[in-house]
Amino acid sequence: MKKNILTTDSILARADDVVVNEVDGEKVMMRIESGAYYGLDSIGGDIWDLLDEPRRVEELLDRLVETYEGDPDAIRRDTLEFLESLAKEGLVRLVR
């Protein structure tokens, strides 16, 4: 079973080596260190925008549940999975 590196008490911040531009309503990101490119849809872009300053994962999850309609448990689970993928790719860093 996959072990999550993040908890709801984790504090995340954007990685310093990520350049972001908006193209046709989608955020396009490049990690300078690796040269890898990434694209974020509107929800991913909203999550990225919420990380404009270091933020506790629980706060991020609460904001998304308030913003989007749907099953709160599914929103929380999917968002945590997305944050894990950002962390794995080095696009966000664990502050605490």
N, C-alpha and C. Protein backbone atom coordinates (compact mmCIF):
# COMPACT_ATOMS: atom_id res chain seq x y z
N MET A 1 0.85 -1.18 0.00
CA MET A 1 0.00 0.00 0.00
C MET A 1 0.89 1.24 0.00
N LYS A 2 0.49 2.24 -0.79
CA LYS A 2 1.23 3.49 -0.92
C LYS A 2 1.12 4.30 0.37
N LYS A 3 2.25 4.78 0.85
CA LYS A 3 2.25 5.61 2.06
C LYS A 3 2.22 7.08 1.65
N ASN A 4 1.25 7.81 2.19
CA ASN A 4 1.16 9.24 1.91
C ASN A 4 2.23 9.98 2.69
N ILE A 5 2.81 10.99 2.05
CA ILE A 5 3.80 11.81 2.74
C ILE A 5 3.15 13.02 3.40
N LEU A 6 1.93 13.31 3.01
CA LEU A 6 1.23 14.48 3.54
C LEU A 6 0.15 14.08 4.52
N THR A 7 -0.07 14.95 5.49
CA THR A 7 -1.19 14.80 6.40
C THR A 7 -1.96 16.12 6.34
N THR A 8 -3.11 16.15 6.99
CA THR A 8 -3.89 17.39 7.00
C THR A 8 -3.18 18.48 7.79
N ASP A 9 -2.24 18.12 8.65
CA ASP A 9 -1.46 19.11 9.40
C ASP A 9 -0.22 19.59 8.66
N SER A 10 0.11 18.95 7.54
CA SER A 10 1.27 19.37 6.75
C SER A 10 1.07 20.80 6.25
N ILE A 11 2.15 21.53 6.16
CA ILE A 11 2.13 22.86 5.57
C ILE A 11 2.91 22.79 4.28
N LEU A 12 2.28 23.23 3.19
CA LEU A 12 2.88 23.18 1.86
C LEU A 12 3.15 24.58 1.34
N ALA A 13 4.17 24.67 0.52
CA ALA A 13 4.48 25.91 -0.19
C ALA A 13 4.90 25.54 -1.61
N ARG A 14 4.74 26.49 -2.51
CA ARG A 14 5.21 26.27 -3.88
C ARG A 14 6.72 26.11 -3.87
N ALA A 15 7.23 25.27 -4.76
CA ALA A 15 8.68 25.15 -4.92
C ALA A 15 9.20 26.44 -5.54
N ASP A 16 10.42 26.79 -5.19
CA ASP A 16 11.02 28.04 -5.67
C ASP A 16 11.40 28.00 -7.15
N ASP A 17 11.59 26.81 -7.69
CA ASP A 17 12.10 26.71 -9.06
C ASP A 17 11.01 26.37 -10.08
N VAL A 18 9.80 26.90 -9.85
CA VAL A 18 8.69 26.64 -10.77
C VAL A 18 8.26 27.96 -11.41
N VAL A 19 8.20 27.94 -12.75
CA VAL A 19 7.74 29.09 -13.51
C VAL A 19 6.35 28.75 -14.04
N VAL A 20 5.40 29.68 -13.88
CA VAL A 20 4.02 29.42 -14.27
C VAL A 20 3.52 30.51 -15.20
N ASN A 21 2.83 30.10 -16.26
CA ASN A 21 2.14 31.03 -17.16
C ASN A 21 0.75 30.48 -17.43
N GLU A 22 -0.15 31.36 -17.80
CA GLU A 22 -1.50 30.93 -18.15
C GLU A 22 -1.63 30.93 -19.66
N VAL A 23 -2.13 29.81 -20.20
CA VAL A 23 -2.33 29.66 -21.63
C VAL A 23 -3.72 29.08 -21.85
N ASP A 24 -4.57 29.84 -22.53
CA ASP A 24 -5.94 29.39 -22.82
C ASP A 24 -6.68 28.91 -21.57
N GLY A 25 -6.55 29.65 -20.48
CA GLY A 25 -7.27 29.32 -19.26
C GLY A 25 -6.68 28.19 -18.45
N GLU A 26 -5.53 27.69 -18.87
CA GLU A 26 -4.88 26.59 -18.16
C GLU A 26 -3.50 27.06 -17.70
N LYS A 27 -3.11 26.65 -16.51
CA LYS A 27 -1.78 27.01 -16.03
C LYS A 27 -0.78 26.01 -16.59
N VAL A 28 0.28 26.54 -17.18
CA VAL A 28 1.38 25.72 -17.69
C VAL A 28 2.58 26.03 -16.82
N MET A 29 3.19 24.97 -16.29
CA MET A 29 4.28 25.13 -15.35
C MET A 29 5.53 24.45 -15.87
N MET A 30 6.67 25.04 -15.53
CA MET A 30 7.94 24.39 -15.84
C MET A 30 8.78 24.40 -14.58
N ARG A 31 9.31 23.26 -14.25
CA ARG A 31 10.23 23.15 -13.12
C ARG A 31 11.62 23.37 -13.68
N ILE A 32 12.25 24.45 -13.28
CA ILE A 32 13.54 24.84 -13.82
C ILE A 32 14.60 23.76 -13.61
N GLU A 33 14.65 23.21 -12.42
CA GLU A 33 15.68 22.22 -12.08
C GLU A 33 15.67 21.02 -13.02
N SER A 34 14.47 20.53 -13.36
CA SER A 34 14.37 19.33 -14.19
C SER A 34 14.04 19.64 -15.65
N GLY A 35 13.51 20.85 -15.91
CA GLY A 35 13.08 21.19 -17.26
C GLY A 35 11.77 20.54 -17.65
N ALA A 36 11.09 19.92 -16.68
CA ALA A 36 9.83 19.23 -16.97
C ALA A 36 8.68 20.24 -17.01
N TYR A 37 7.73 20.00 -17.92
CA TYR A 37 6.55 20.84 -18.07
C TYR A 37 5.33 20.12 -17.51
N TYR A 38 4.39 20.91 -16.99
CA TYR A 38 3.16 20.37 -16.42
C TYR A 38 2.01 21.30 -16.81
N GLY A 39 0.82 20.74 -16.92
CA GLY A 39 -0.37 21.54 -17.17
C GLY A 39 -1.39 21.31 -16.08
N LEU A 40 -2.04 22.38 -15.65
CA LEU A 40 -3.08 22.27 -14.63
C LEU A 40 -4.41 22.73 -15.19
N ASP A 41 -5.46 21.96 -14.96
CA ASP A 41 -6.79 22.40 -15.35
C ASP A 41 -7.25 23.48 -14.38
N SER A 42 -8.48 23.93 -14.50
CA SER A 42 -8.94 25.06 -13.69
C SER A 42 -8.93 24.74 -12.19
N ILE A 43 -9.30 23.51 -11.81
CA ILE A 43 -9.29 23.17 -10.38
C ILE A 43 -7.86 23.07 -9.87
N GLY A 44 -7.00 22.45 -10.64
CA GLY A 44 -5.59 22.39 -10.26
C GLY A 44 -5.00 23.79 -10.16
N GLY A 45 -5.41 24.66 -11.08
CA GLY A 45 -4.97 26.05 -11.04
C GLY A 45 -5.45 26.77 -9.80
N ASP A 46 -6.70 26.48 -9.39
CA ASP A 46 -7.22 27.07 -8.15
C ASP A 46 -6.41 26.60 -6.94
N ILE A 47 -6.06 25.34 -6.93
CA ILE A 47 -5.25 24.81 -5.83
C ILE A 47 -3.89 25.50 -5.83
N TRP A 48 -3.29 25.65 -7.01
CA TRP A 48 -2.00 26.34 -7.12
C TRP A 48 -2.11 27.77 -6.60
N ASP A 49 -3.19 28.45 -6.97
CA ASP A 49 -3.39 29.82 -6.52
C ASP A 49 -3.52 29.90 -5.00
N LEU A 50 -4.16 28.90 -4.39
CA LEU A 50 -4.29 28.88 -2.93
C LEU A 50 -2.95 28.69 -2.24
N LEU A 51 -1.99 28.18 -2.97
CA LEU A 51 -0.65 27.98 -2.41
C LEU A 51 0.24 29.20 -2.65
N ASP A 52 -0.38 30.37 -2.82
CA ASP A 52 0.39 31.60 -3.03
C ASP A 52 1.23 31.95 -1.81
N GLU A 53 0.90 31.34 -0.69
CA GLU A 53 1.70 31.44 0.52
C GLU A 53 1.64 30.07 1.20
N PRO A 54 2.60 29.75 2.05
CA PRO A 54 2.54 28.44 2.72
C PRO A 54 1.18 28.26 3.40
N ARG A 55 0.61 27.08 3.21
CA ARG A 55 -0.74 26.85 3.71
C ARG A 55 -0.86 25.42 4.25
N ARG A 56 -1.59 25.30 5.35
CA ARG A 56 -1.87 23.99 5.92
C ARG A 56 -2.82 23.23 5.01
N VAL A 57 -2.55 21.95 4.81
CA VAL A 57 -3.36 21.11 3.92
C VAL A 57 -4.82 21.14 4.35
N GLU A 58 -5.09 21.08 5.64
CA GLU A 58 -6.48 21.08 6.12
C GLU A 58 -7.21 22.35 5.68
N GLU A 59 -6.53 23.50 5.74
CA GLU A 59 -7.15 24.76 5.31
C GLU A 59 -7.47 24.72 3.82
N LEU A 60 -6.55 24.19 3.05
CA LEU A 60 -6.75 24.06 1.61
C LEU A 60 -7.95 23.18 1.31
N LEU A 61 -8.03 22.04 1.98
CA LEU A 61 -9.14 21.11 1.78
C LEU A 61 -10.46 21.76 2.14
N ASP A 62 -10.49 22.47 3.27
CA ASP A 62 -11.73 23.13 3.70
C ASP A 62 -12.19 24.16 2.67
N ARG A 63 -11.26 24.93 2.15
CA ARG A 63 -11.61 25.95 1.14
C ARG A 63 -12.19 25.32 -0.12
N LEU A 64 -11.60 24.21 -0.55
CA LEU A 64 -12.09 23.56 -1.77
C LEU A 64 -13.47 22.95 -1.57
N VAL A 65 -13.71 22.38 -0.39
CA VAL A 65 -15.04 21.82 -0.09
C VAL A 65 -16.08 22.93 -0.09
N GLU A 66 -15.71 24.11 0.40
CA GLU A 66 -16.64 25.25 0.40
C GLU A 66 -16.88 25.78 -1.02
N THR A 67 -15.86 25.70 -1.88
CA THR A 67 -15.92 26.29 -3.21
C THR A 67 -16.63 25.40 -4.23
N TYR A 68 -16.38 24.10 -4.17
CA TYR A 68 -16.89 23.19 -5.20
C TYR A 68 -18.03 22.33 -4.67
N GLU A 69 -19.01 22.10 -5.55
CA GLU A 69 -20.10 21.20 -5.21
C GLU A 69 -19.63 19.77 -5.41
N GLY A 70 -20.14 18.89 -4.60
CA GLY A 70 -19.78 17.49 -4.72
C GLY A 70 -19.62 16.88 -3.34
N ASP A 71 -19.31 15.61 -3.33
CA ASP A 71 -19.11 14.87 -2.09
C ASP A 71 -17.85 15.39 -1.39
N PRO A 72 -18.00 15.96 -0.21
CA PRO A 72 -16.84 16.52 0.49
C PRO A 72 -15.71 15.51 0.69
N ASP A 73 -16.07 14.25 0.99
CA ASP A 73 -15.03 13.23 1.17
C ASP A 73 -14.26 12.99 -0.12
N ALA A 74 -14.96 12.97 -1.24
CA ALA A 74 -14.31 12.77 -2.53
C ALA A 74 -13.42 13.96 -2.88
N ILE A 75 -13.91 15.17 -2.60
CA ILE A 75 -13.10 16.37 -2.87
C ILE A 75 -11.81 16.33 -2.05
N ARG A 76 -11.94 15.99 -0.78
CA ARG A 76 -10.77 15.93 0.10
C ARG A 76 -9.79 14.85 -0.36
N ARG A 77 -10.32 13.67 -0.70
CA ARG A 77 -9.48 12.56 -1.11
C ARG A 77 -8.75 12.88 -2.42
N ASP A 78 -9.49 13.41 -3.40
CA ASP A 78 -8.89 13.73 -4.70
C ASP A 78 -7.87 14.86 -4.57
N THR A 79 -8.17 15.83 -3.73
CA THR A 79 -7.23 16.95 -3.55
C THR A 79 -5.96 16.47 -2.87
N LEU A 80 -6.10 15.63 -1.86
CA LEU A 80 -4.92 15.11 -1.18
C LEU A 80 -4.05 14.30 -2.14
N GLU A 81 -4.70 13.53 -2.99
CA GLU A 81 -3.96 12.75 -4.00
C GLU A 81 -3.23 13.69 -4.97
N PHE A 82 -3.90 14.76 -5.38
CA PHE A 82 -3.29 15.74 -6.28
C PHE A 82 -2.09 16.43 -5.61
N LEU A 83 -2.26 16.81 -4.35
CA LEU A 83 -1.15 17.44 -3.61
C LEU A 83 0.03 16.49 -3.47
N GLU A 84 -0.27 15.21 -3.25
CA GLU A 84 0.80 14.21 -3.19
C GLU A 84 1.57 14.16 -4.51
N SER A 85 0.85 14.23 -5.63
CA SER A 85 1.51 14.18 -6.94
C SER A 85 2.36 15.44 -7.16
N LEU A 86 1.86 16.61 -6.71
CA LEU A 86 2.67 17.83 -6.82
C LEU A 86 3.94 17.71 -6.00
N ALA A 87 3.82 17.15 -4.80
CA ALA A 87 4.99 16.98 -3.94
C ALA A 87 5.98 15.99 -4.56
N LYS A 88 5.46 14.90 -5.10
CA LYS A 88 6.32 13.88 -5.72
C LYS A 88 7.11 14.46 -6.90
N GLU A 89 6.49 15.37 -7.65
CA GLU A 89 7.14 15.99 -8.80
C GLU A 89 8.03 17.18 -8.39
N GLY A 90 8.03 17.53 -7.12
CA GLY A 90 8.86 18.62 -6.64
C GLY A 90 8.29 20.01 -6.93
N LEU A 91 6.98 20.08 -7.23
CA LEU A 91 6.35 21.36 -7.53
C LEU A 91 5.93 22.11 -6.27
N VAL A 92 5.73 21.36 -5.20
CA VAL A 92 5.49 21.97 -3.88
C VAL A 92 6.47 21.33 -2.91
N ARG A 93 6.70 22.04 -1.84
CA ARG A 93 7.61 21.52 -0.81
C ARG A 93 6.90 21.49 0.52
N LEU A 94 7.30 20.56 1.33
CA LEU A 94 6.75 20.41 2.67
C LEU A 94 7.50 21.37 3.60
N VAL A 95 6.76 22.33 4.14
CA VAL A 95 7.35 23.29 5.07
C VAL A 95 7.40 22.67 6.47
N ARG A 96 6.28 22.00 6.79
CA ARG A 96 6.21 21.30 8.08
C ARG A 96 5.14 20.24 7.97
